[in-house]
Amino acid sequence: MSSFNRRKFFQISTIGGLALSMPIDLKSAPSKEKKILLDPYQSSVGRFSHSYLRKIANKYGSPTYLYDWDLIKTRYLEFRDGFKKHYPKVKVHYAYKANTNLNIISYLTSLGAGAECISIGEMSFALKAGQKGENIIFTSNSKSEQELRFAIKNKVLINIDSLSGLKNLESLVGKLKTTVRVCFRINPDVETTSTHKHISTGHKFTKFGLMYLNEDIYKAAKIAIDNKFMTFEGIHSHIGSQILESKPFEKNAQILSSVSLEIKKRFNYEISFINMGGGLGIPYRDNQARFSPERLASIVCPILKRKFSGFKNLPEIWLEPGRYLVAEAGVLLSKVNSVKMTDIKNFINVDTGFNHLARPIMYEAYHRVRILNGKSKTKKFQVAGNICETGDMLTKDRLLPKPEVGDIIALLDSGAYGFSMASEYNSFYLPAEVAIKGNSDYLIRKREDFNDLLRNQILEKKLI
């Protein structure tokens, strides 16, 4: 089989780091590969110049995450004030899973943001950052007794996800003879077509929430209203992340308000807030249109005002942005180790990988790339990480200037789910983190070293 063509015989997928092969019919295979149109290269890195970012990389080493403090503030005020233009009672809780650097959460706390947390660690971070328990929401689909005890002790609002979870809490507060504030997460069965399936959380096949399509939410409400140790305060729904369309948010607002009205009708009970979660996306691509918080508010707030016109007290709107506040403020700086040109693919090999930025391999996410010394004509490249996995590609085919060894690249919009999802896989050290406020830079996390890899290991000599 001297004429055997391996590239036509196999279609290879490397999603998730696994190579999956599927044979195809050679007779029906196209004679020419489909031409893919690539986005033209742009060099802008926002308010930072290429020389400034190179200076930061030279000062702190690479890889390094840096965060634009001024942009974090701008995005927070944009979100809060955008909703306040259309609704009188608004409370913003920052979703800690996006980025838990203590400096970032302390800064957002100082600006007035509450906290949305899913673990003891995140709740502890919130308290360390100066949050009061009353401004912390504990949302998880799987809460342990240890976590519930911690939340109760610190007067945290507990967001219940299931009847089984409610039964666990009911039993615990009965033993402790102490009061607890609760709300309920609803699964509204809302589809979000514009986002990745792994971060679409509001449809009926996900693990989250009390089903809107049956009576569970009303059973839960009745239990909480009747329990002398529980204060039932509100309802919640988070339908997904990176949503850039209005219809899912609009439908979610309709459902949340309808459930609230039904609770009032059945139990003569008015909730004090509706938590619409987060999920508003950002423009990850050049020239992509922004969906602003103010635009979203102009769509959903009139629905709520109209629905709650019969309430004695208008419920507050609670919101849980994470990505929108910090993603665009973050840049991951990395050094080019080598440039590999082949007849099939061209690779820019850098000193970071999916251990530091997992979004491309987990969600097939797109991050804009800038070559900070790029002056040559553009060619088609893949930015390849240094992890020993085929799937460790930070970008697929991109038009980029050919860099030189030692040049710095910038992966933009990395402030959310970048460092917070980072690991020490392959025993690489976690990167440094740097804050830029005005024209000043501050180290806010030291780069790890070998001692950090050893910190919790115990060398038991009886095992050797």
Protein backbone atom coordinates (compact mmCIF):
# COMPACT_ATOMS: atom_id res chain seq x y z
CA MET A 1 0.00 0.00 0.00
CA SER A 2 2.55 2.53 -1.09
CA SER A 3 -0.22 4.96 -1.99
CA PHE A 4 -1.80 4.72 1.47
CA ASN A 5 -2.74 8.21 2.69
CA ARG A 6 -2.87 8.26 6.48
CA ARG A 7 -4.21 11.80 6.66
CA LYS A 8 -7.22 10.89 4.53
CA PHE A 9 -7.72 7.52 6.20
CA PHE A 10 -7.99 8.95 9.69
CA GLN A 11 -9.79 11.97 11.06
CA ILE A 12 -8.20 12.76 14.38
CA SER A 13 -9.75 14.67 17.24
CA THR A 14 -7.60 15.86 20.11
CA ILE A 15 -10.34 17.39 22.23
CA GLY A 16 -9.57 16.85 25.90
CA GLY A 17 -6.09 15.54 25.22
CA LEU A 18 -7.35 12.19 23.82
CA ALA A 19 -6.66 11.08 20.24
CA LEU A 20 -9.84 9.50 18.84
CA SER A 21 -9.60 7.93 15.38
CA MET A 22 -12.45 7.15 13.02
CA PRO A 23 -11.94 5.49 9.61
CA ILE A 24 -13.64 7.21 6.69
CA ASP A 25 -14.55 6.12 3.19
CA LEU A 26 -11.66 7.08 0.91
CA LYS A 27 -13.92 7.12 -2.14
CA SER A 28 -16.22 9.68 -0.60
CA ALA A 29 -13.41 11.75 0.93
CA PRO A 30 -12.96 15.20 -0.64
CA SER A 31 -9.97 15.54 -2.92
CA LYS A 32 -8.99 18.88 -1.41
CA GLU A 33 -9.04 20.04 2.18
CA LYS A 34 -11.64 22.64 3.02
CA LYS A 35 -10.13 26.09 3.20
CA ILE A 36 -10.56 27.67 6.63
CA LEU A 37 -10.82 31.44 6.85
CA LEU A 38 -8.75 32.71 9.76
CA ASP A 39 -9.24 35.93 11.68
CA PRO A 40 -6.75 38.61 10.62
CA TYR A 41 -4.07 39.35 13.18
CA GLN A 42 -4.48 42.42 15.38
CA SER A 43 -1.81 43.67 17.74
CA SER A 44 -3.74 45.71 20.31
CA VAL A 45 -3.44 44.77 23.97
CA GLY A 46 -5.84 47.39 25.31
CA ARG A 47 -4.31 50.19 27.34
CA PHE A 48 -0.98 48.39 27.65
CA SER A 49 1.78 48.76 25.07
CA HIS A 50 3.83 45.81 23.85
CA SER A 51 6.95 47.29 25.43
CA TYR A 52 5.20 47.68 28.80
CA LEU A 53 4.11 44.04 28.85
CA ARG A 54 7.60 42.90 27.88
CA LYS A 55 8.94 44.97 30.77
CA ILE A 56 6.54 43.21 33.18
CA ALA A 57 7.59 39.80 31.85
CA ASN A 58 11.27 40.70 32.21
CA LYS A 59 10.72 41.97 35.75
CA TYR A 60 8.64 39.06 37.11
CA GLY A 61 9.57 36.23 34.75
CA SER A 62 7.23 33.96 32.84
CA PRO A 63 4.66 32.63 32.81
CA THR A 64 2.92 35.42 34.73
CA TYR A 65 -0.68 36.48 35.07
CA LEU A 66 -1.25 40.21 35.25
CA TYR A 67 -4.50 41.99 36.08
CA ASP A 68 -5.65 45.49 35.20
CA TRP A 69 -7.10 46.87 38.44
CA ASP A 70 -8.69 49.85 36.73
CA LEU A 71 -10.58 47.62 34.29
CA ILE A 72 -11.90 45.43 37.12
CA LYS A 73 -13.39 48.53 38.74
CA THR A 74 -14.83 49.73 35.43
CA ARG A 75 -16.54 46.40 34.76
CA TYR A 76 -17.96 46.17 38.30
CA LEU A 77 -19.45 49.68 38.20
CA GLU A 78 -20.73 49.01 34.69
CA PHE A 79 -22.59 45.95 35.95
CA ARG A 80 -23.95 47.46 39.16
CA ASP A 81 -24.94 50.82 37.73
CA GLY A 82 -26.30 49.31 34.52
CA PHE A 83 -28.91 47.43 36.53
CA LYS A 84 -29.57 50.29 38.95
CA LYS A 85 -30.67 52.42 36.01
CA HIS A 86 -33.59 50.05 35.49
CA TYR A 87 -34.37 48.64 38.97
CA PRO A 88 -34.29 50.30 42.40
CA LYS A 89 -32.98 47.38 44.49
CA VAL A 90 -29.85 45.68 43.12
CA LYS A 91 -27.15 43.63 44.85
CA VAL A 92 -24.06 42.24 43.07
CA HIS A 93 -22.28 39.15 44.39
CA TYR A 94 -18.94 38.32 42.76
CA ALA A 95 -18.68 34.63 41.72
CA TYR A 96 -15.46 33.59 43.44
CA LYS A 97 -14.81 30.58 41.19
CA ALA A 98 -13.73 33.00 38.43
CA ASN A 99 -10.65 34.16 40.36
CA THR A 100 -9.91 33.89 44.08
CA ASN A 101 -6.75 35.94 44.39
CA LEU A 102 -7.13 37.58 47.80
CA ASN A 103 -6.27 41.01 46.40
CA ILE A 104 -8.99 40.79 43.73
CA ILE A 105 -11.72 39.65 46.10
CA SER A 106 -10.68 42.22 48.72
CA TYR A 107 -10.81 44.97 46.09
CA LEU A 108 -14.27 43.94 44.89
CA THR A 109 -15.41 43.75 48.52
CA SER A 110 -14.23 47.34 49.01
CA LEU A 111 -16.28 48.37 45.96
CA GLY A 112 -19.41 46.88 47.54
CA ALA A 113 -19.64 43.42 45.97
CA GLY A 114 -20.91 40.47 47.97
CA ALA A 115 -19.62 36.91 47.51
CA GLU A 116 -20.98 33.81 45.77
CA CYS A 117 -19.08 30.74 46.98
CA ILE A 118 -19.18 26.97 46.45
CA SER A 119 -16.77 25.60 49.06
CA ILE A 120 -15.39 26.13 52.56
CA GLY A 121 -12.26 27.50 50.91
CA GLU A 122 -14.18 30.17 48.99
CA MET A 123 -16.29 31.08 52.03
CA SER A 124 -13.08 31.38 54.07
CA PHE A 125 -11.59 33.61 51.37
CA ALA A 126 -14.68 35.82 51.54
CA LEU A 127 -14.43 36.20 55.33
CA LYS A 128 -10.67 36.86 55.01
CA ALA A 129 -11.45 39.58 52.44
CA GLY A 130 -13.72 41.35 54.94
CA GLN A 131 -17.11 40.02 53.90
CA LYS A 132 -19.81 39.57 56.51
CA GLY A 133 -21.64 36.26 56.47
CA GLU A 134 -24.87 38.00 55.49
CA ASN A 135 -23.24 39.04 52.19
CA ILE A 136 -22.05 35.52 51.32
CA ILE A 137 -24.10 32.98 49.35
CA PHE A 138 -23.12 29.31 49.63
CA THR A 139 -24.18 27.60 46.39
CA SER A 140 -23.26 23.98 45.70
CA ASN A 141 -25.16 20.99 44.42
CA SER A 142 -23.34 18.73 46.91
CA LYS A 143 -22.91 20.21 50.39
CA SER A 144 -21.20 18.19 53.11
CA GLU A 145 -22.16 18.41 56.78
CA GLN A 146 -18.82 20.11 57.49
CA GLU A 147 -19.60 22.78 54.90
CA LEU A 148 -23.13 23.30 56.23
CA ARG A 149 -21.85 23.66 59.80
CA PHE A 150 -19.30 26.24 58.63
CA ALA A 151 -21.96 28.22 56.75
CA ILE A 152 -24.39 28.14 59.69
CA LYS A 153 -21.69 29.21 62.15
CA ASN A 154 -20.75 32.19 59.97
CA LYS A 155 -24.38 33.19 59.22
CA VAL A 156 -23.95 32.55 55.48
CA LEU A 157 -27.02 32.33 53.24
CA ILE A 158 -27.36 28.69 52.12
CA ASN A 159 -28.66 28.13 48.60
CA ILE A 160 -30.43 24.74 48.54
CA ASP A 161 -30.20 22.65 45.38
CA SER A 162 -32.43 19.63 46.10
CA LEU A 163 -35.03 18.17 48.47
CA SER A 164 -32.38 15.76 49.74
CA GLY A 165 -30.04 18.67 50.48
CA LEU A 166 -32.86 20.46 52.26
CA LYS A 167 -33.52 17.37 54.40
CA ASN A 168 -29.82 17.31 55.40
CA LEU A 169 -29.97 20.94 56.47
CA GLU A 170 -33.29 20.46 58.25
CA SER A 171 -31.83 17.62 60.30
CA LEU A 172 -28.70 19.60 61.16
CA VAL A 173 -30.43 22.79 62.34
CA GLY A 174 -32.79 20.62 64.38
CA LYS A 175 -29.79 19.18 66.22
CA LEU A 176 -28.02 22.53 66.58
CA LYS A 177 -31.19 24.44 67.54
CA THR A 178 -29.99 27.41 65.53
CA THR A 179 -31.51 29.52 62.78
CA VAL A 180 -30.31 29.59 59.18
CA ARG A 181 -31.12 31.73 56.15
CA VAL A 182 -32.02 29.79 53.02
CA CYS A 183 -32.89 30.27 49.37
CA PHE A 184 -33.62 27.72 46.66
CA ARG A 185 -31.93 27.15 43.34
CA ILE A 186 -34.40 26.44 40.55
CA ASN A 187 -33.65 24.52 37.39
CA PRO A 188 -35.76 26.50 34.90
CA ASP A 189 -35.02 24.23 31.90
CA VAL A 190 -33.66 27.14 29.86
CA GLU A 191 -31.43 26.31 26.91
CA THR A 192 -28.41 28.47 26.06
CA THR A 193 -27.39 27.82 22.47
CA SER A 194 -24.53 30.33 22.41
CA THR A 195 -22.37 28.67 25.06
CA HIS A 196 -20.42 25.43 25.52
CA LYS A 197 -22.34 22.40 26.80
CA HIS A 198 -20.06 22.06 29.84
CA ILE A 199 -21.06 25.50 31.14
CA SER A 200 -24.75 25.40 30.23
CA THR A 201 -26.35 24.84 33.65
CA GLY A 202 -30.03 25.74 33.30
CA HIS A 203 -31.48 22.90 31.21
CA LYS A 204 -33.29 19.90 32.70
CA PHE A 205 -30.48 17.40 32.08
CA THR A 206 -27.95 19.16 34.34
CA LYS A 207 -27.22 18.29 37.95
CA PHE A 208 -28.33 21.70 39.24
CA GLY A 209 -31.46 22.93 40.94
CA LEU A 210 -34.98 22.01 41.98
CA MET A 211 -36.95 21.24 38.84
CA TYR A 212 -39.30 23.99 37.71
CA LEU A 213 -41.24 21.41 35.71
CA ASN A 214 -42.49 19.55 38.82
CA GLU A 215 -43.63 20.47 42.33
CA ASP A 216 -40.23 20.21 44.09
CA ILE A 217 -39.72 23.94 44.50
CA TYR A 218 -43.10 24.34 46.20
CA LYS A 219 -42.48 21.33 48.46
CA ALA A 220 -39.16 22.90 49.47
CA ALA A 221 -40.73 26.32 50.05
CA LYS A 222 -43.41 24.81 52.30
CA ILE A 223 -40.81 22.95 54.38
CA ALA A 224 -38.71 26.11 54.86
CA ILE A 225 -41.71 28.32 55.68
CA ASP A 226 -42.94 25.85 58.30
CA ASN A 227 -39.53 25.24 59.90
CA LYS A 228 -38.93 27.50 62.91
CA PHE A 229 -35.16 27.33 62.38
CA MET A 230 -35.24 28.43 58.73
CA THR A 231 -35.74 31.86 57.22
CA PHE A 232 -36.76 31.48 53.58
CA GLU A 233 -35.47 34.58 51.77
CA GLY A 234 -35.43 34.06 48.01
CA ILE A 235 -35.05 31.97 44.89
CA HIS A 236 -32.11 31.59 42.54
CA SER A 237 -31.25 30.38 39.06
CA HIS A 238 -27.98 30.35 37.15
CA ILE A 239 -28.49 29.21 33.56
CA GLY A 240 -24.88 29.08 32.35
CA SER A 241 -21.80 31.08 31.42
CA GLN A 242 -20.55 33.11 28.45
CA ILE A 243 -24.09 33.87 27.25
CA LEU A 244 -24.33 36.55 24.57
CA GLU A 245 -28.05 36.40 23.73
CA SER A 246 -31.03 37.93 25.53
CA LYS A 247 -33.67 35.20 25.17
CA PRO A 248 -32.36 32.81 27.87
CA PHE A 249 -32.11 35.65 30.43
CA GLU A 250 -35.57 36.86 29.47
CA LYS A 251 -37.08 33.40 29.86
CA ASN A 252 -35.29 32.91 33.18
CA ALA A 253 -36.71 36.18 34.51
CA GLN A 254 -40.21 35.10 33.47
CA ILE A 255 -39.87 31.75 35.25
CA LEU A 256 -38.32 33.11 38.46
CA SER A 257 -41.02 35.74 38.80
CA SER A 258 -43.77 33.21 38.03
CA VAL A 259 -42.47 30.86 40.74
CA SER A 260 -42.35 33.77 43.21
CA LEU A 261 -45.96 34.67 42.42
CA GLU A 262 -47.03 31.04 42.84
CA ILE A 263 -45.31 30.88 46.25
CA LYS A 264 -47.23 33.98 47.29
CA LYS A 265 -50.48 32.50 45.99
CA ARG A 266 -50.03 29.13 47.71
CA PHE A 267 -48.49 30.19 51.01
CA ASN A 268 -49.23 33.93 51.28
CA TYR A 269 -45.46 34.44 51.46
CA GLU A 270 -43.44 37.13 49.71
CA ILE A 271 -39.75 36.43 49.07
CA SER A 272 -37.28 39.27 49.59
CA PHE A 273 -35.03 38.68 46.56
CA ILE A 274 -34.70 37.02 43.18
CA ASN A 275 -31.16 35.90 42.33
CA MET A 276 -30.71 35.72 38.56
CA GLY A 277 -27.19 34.28 38.81
CA GLY A 278 -24.47 35.33 36.41
CA GLY A 279 -23.60 34.19 32.92
CA LEU A 280 -23.24 37.38 30.90
CA GLY A 281 -20.45 36.78 28.40
CA ILE A 282 -17.58 38.90 27.16
CA PRO A 283 -16.21 39.42 23.61
CA TYR A 284 -13.31 36.97 23.39
CA ARG A 285 -12.67 37.74 19.71
CA ASP A 286 -11.52 40.92 18.01
CA ASN A 287 -14.44 42.97 16.65
CA GLN A 288 -16.99 40.84 18.54
CA ALA A 289 -19.98 42.84 19.76
CA ARG A 290 -20.37 43.41 23.50
CA PHE A 291 -23.61 42.54 25.31
CA SER A 292 -23.66 45.15 28.06
CA PRO A 293 -25.18 44.72 31.54
CA GLU A 294 -27.24 47.86 30.94
CA ARG A 295 -28.75 46.31 27.82
CA LEU A 296 -29.52 43.11 29.71
CA ALA A 297 -31.13 45.11 32.53
CA SER A 298 -33.30 47.01 30.05
CA ILE A 299 -34.71 43.63 28.93
CA VAL A 300 -35.26 41.75 32.20
CA CYS A 301 -36.03 44.50 34.72
CA PRO A 302 -39.34 45.62 33.13
CA ILE A 303 -40.50 41.97 33.31
CA LEU A 304 -39.82 41.83 37.04
CA LYS A 305 -41.35 45.22 37.78
CA ARG A 306 -44.51 44.22 35.98
CA LYS A 307 -44.75 40.81 37.63
CA PHE A 308 -44.17 42.14 41.13
CA SER A 309 -46.51 45.10 40.94
CA GLY A 310 -48.82 43.32 43.41
CA PHE A 311 -46.14 42.70 46.04
CA LYS A 312 -46.13 44.88 49.16
CA ASN A 313 -42.36 45.16 48.90
CA LEU A 314 -40.53 44.94 45.58
CA PRO A 315 -37.98 42.08 45.84
CA GLU A 316 -34.32 42.88 45.34
CA ILE A 317 -32.53 41.65 42.21
CA TRP A 318 -29.36 39.77 43.05
CA LEU A 319 -26.71 39.08 40.40
CA GLU A 320 -23.60 36.88 40.39
CA PRO A 321 -21.14 38.01 37.69
CA GLY A 322 -17.70 36.45 37.70
CA ARG A 323 -16.21 36.33 34.21
CA TYR A 324 -17.65 39.73 33.27
CA LEU A 325 -15.79 41.47 36.11
CA VAL A 326 -12.32 39.95 35.76
CA ALA A 327 -11.82 38.08 32.45
CA GLU A 328 -10.82 41.01 30.24
CA ALA A 329 -8.61 42.44 33.00
CA GLY A 330 -6.33 39.40 32.90
CA VAL A 331 -3.41 38.65 30.57
CA LEU A 332 -1.19 35.56 30.68
CA LEU A 333 2.37 36.37 29.62
CA SER A 334 4.50 33.49 28.33
CA LYS A 335 7.93 33.10 26.72
CA VAL A 336 8.60 31.44 23.36
CA ASN A 337 10.92 28.46 23.86
CA SER A 338 11.13 27.41 20.22
CA VAL A 339 9.42 27.77 16.84
CA LYS A 340 8.82 24.58 14.91
CA MET A 341 8.08 24.88 11.18
CA THR A 342 6.88 21.71 9.38
CA ASP A 343 5.21 20.82 6.08
CA ILE A 344 1.98 20.10 7.96
CA LYS A 345 1.76 22.50 10.92
CA ASN A 346 3.75 25.35 12.42
CA PHE A 347 4.12 25.48 16.19
CA ILE A 348 5.04 28.24 18.61
CA ASN A 349 6.23 26.34 21.71
CA VAL A 350 5.81 28.35 24.92
CA ASP A 351 6.62 27.94 28.62
CA THR A 352 3.04 27.44 29.77
CA GLY A 353 0.19 25.09 28.90
CA PHE A 354 -3.23 23.81 29.89
CA ASN A 355 -1.96 23.39 33.46
CA HIS A 356 -2.02 27.20 33.68
CA LEU A 357 -4.83 27.97 31.21
CA ALA A 358 -7.27 25.06 30.99
CA ARG A 359 -10.09 26.75 29.09
CA PRO A 360 -8.89 25.89 25.55
CA ILE A 361 -8.68 22.16 26.26
CA MET A 362 -11.78 21.99 28.50
CA TYR A 363 -14.17 24.20 26.53
CA GLU A 364 -12.42 24.59 23.17
CA ALA A 365 -12.20 28.23 24.24
CA TYR A 366 -10.77 30.95 22.03
CA HIS A 367 -8.21 33.38 23.49
CA ARG A 368 -6.69 36.18 21.46
CA VAL A 369 -2.90 36.00 21.13
CA ARG A 370 -0.43 38.84 20.71
CA ILE A 371 3.23 38.41 19.76
CA LEU A 372 4.84 41.24 21.72
CA ASN A 373 7.74 41.59 19.31
CA GLY A 374 5.85 40.61 16.18
CA LYS A 375 7.00 42.55 13.11
CA SER A 376 7.18 39.85 10.43
CA LYS A 377 4.41 38.83 8.04
CA THR A 378 1.79 36.54 9.49
CA LYS A 379 1.76 32.78 8.99
CA LYS A 380 -0.56 30.07 10.21
CA PHE A 381 0.58 28.86 13.65
CA GLN A 382 -0.59 26.82 16.59
CA VAL A 383 0.51 27.96 20.05
CA ALA A 384 1.64 24.74 21.74
CA GLY A 385 1.98 24.30 25.48
CA ASN A 386 4.78 22.47 27.27
CA ILE A 387 2.58 19.73 28.78
CA CYS A 388 3.14 16.14 27.64
CA GLU A 389 -0.31 15.81 26.03
CA THR A 390 -1.31 16.02 22.35
CA GLY A 391 -4.28 18.17 23.28
CA ASP A 392 -2.13 20.85 24.93
CA MET A 393 -2.78 23.52 22.32
CA LEU A 394 -3.52 27.00 23.63
CA THR A 395 -4.68 27.97 20.15
CA LYS A 396 -5.40 26.10 16.95
CA ASP A 397 -4.74 27.61 13.54
CA ARG A 398 -4.07 31.36 13.87
CA LEU A 399 -2.49 33.98 11.66
CA LEU A 400 0.43 35.27 13.75
CA PRO A 401 3.76 36.99 13.13
CA LYS A 402 6.61 34.50 13.38
CA PRO A 403 8.28 35.12 16.77
CA GLU A 404 11.89 34.66 17.76
CA VAL A 405 13.04 32.40 20.58
CA GLY A 406 12.78 34.40 23.82
CA ASP A 407 9.95 36.64 22.59
CA ILE A 408 6.95 37.15 24.86
CA ILE A 409 3.40 36.30 23.87
CA ALA A 410 0.24 37.57 25.57
CA LEU A 411 -2.89 35.44 25.93
CA LEU A 412 -5.69 37.94 26.44
CA ASP A 413 -8.92 37.75 28.46
CA SER A 414 -7.38 35.26 30.90
CA GLY A 415 -8.50 36.82 34.18
CA ALA A 416 -11.43 34.41 34.70
CA TYR A 417 -10.96 30.66 35.05
CA GLY A 418 -7.26 31.03 34.36
CA PHE A 419 -5.29 30.86 37.59
CA SER A 420 -8.32 29.58 39.52
CA MET A 421 -8.28 26.39 37.40
CA ALA A 422 -4.48 26.08 37.27
CA SER A 423 -2.64 22.99 38.49
CA GLU A 424 0.86 21.66 39.08
CA TYR A 425 0.47 18.95 36.44
CA ASN A 426 3.82 17.66 35.10
CA SER A 427 5.32 19.27 38.24
CA PHE A 428 5.46 22.72 36.70
CA TYR A 429 5.31 25.58 39.19
CA LEU A 430 2.22 27.77 39.38
CA PRO A 431 2.85 31.19 37.80
CA ALA A 432 3.27 34.55 39.48
CA GLU A 433 0.41 37.05 39.59
CA VAL A 434 0.86 40.80 39.19
CA ALA A 435 -1.60 43.69 39.59
CA ILE A 436 -1.38 46.87 37.53
CA LYS A 437 -3.06 49.90 39.08
CA GLY A 438 -2.60 53.13 37.18
CA ASN A 439 1.02 53.00 36.10
CA SER A 440 2.28 50.95 39.05
CA ASP A 441 2.77 47.19 39.25
CA TYR A 442 2.51 45.00 42.35
CA LEU A 443 3.40 41.35 42.91
CA ILE A 444 0.28 39.71 44.42
CA ARG A 445 1.38 36.06 44.27
CA LYS A 446 4.92 34.72 44.20
CA ARG A 447 5.88 32.14 41.62
CA GLU A 448 6.03 28.67 43.11
CA ASP A 449 9.28 26.73 43.53
CA PHE A 450 10.17 23.12 44.28
CA ASN A 451 9.43 23.52 47.99
CA ASP A 452 5.81 24.32 47.08
CA LEU A 453 5.51 21.03 45.21
CA LEU A 454 6.71 19.22 48.35
CA ARG A 455 4.76 21.23 50.93
CA ASN A 456 2.16 18.60 51.87
CA GLN A 457 4.01 15.43 50.96
CA ILE A 458 5.26 13.09 53.66
CA LEU A 459 8.22 10.88 52.83
CA GLU A 460 7.53 7.72 54.88
CA LYS A 461 10.82 5.83 55.16
CA LYS A 462 9.03 2.58 56.08
CA LEU A 463 7.66 2.54 52.55
CA ILE A 464 11.07 2.69 50.88
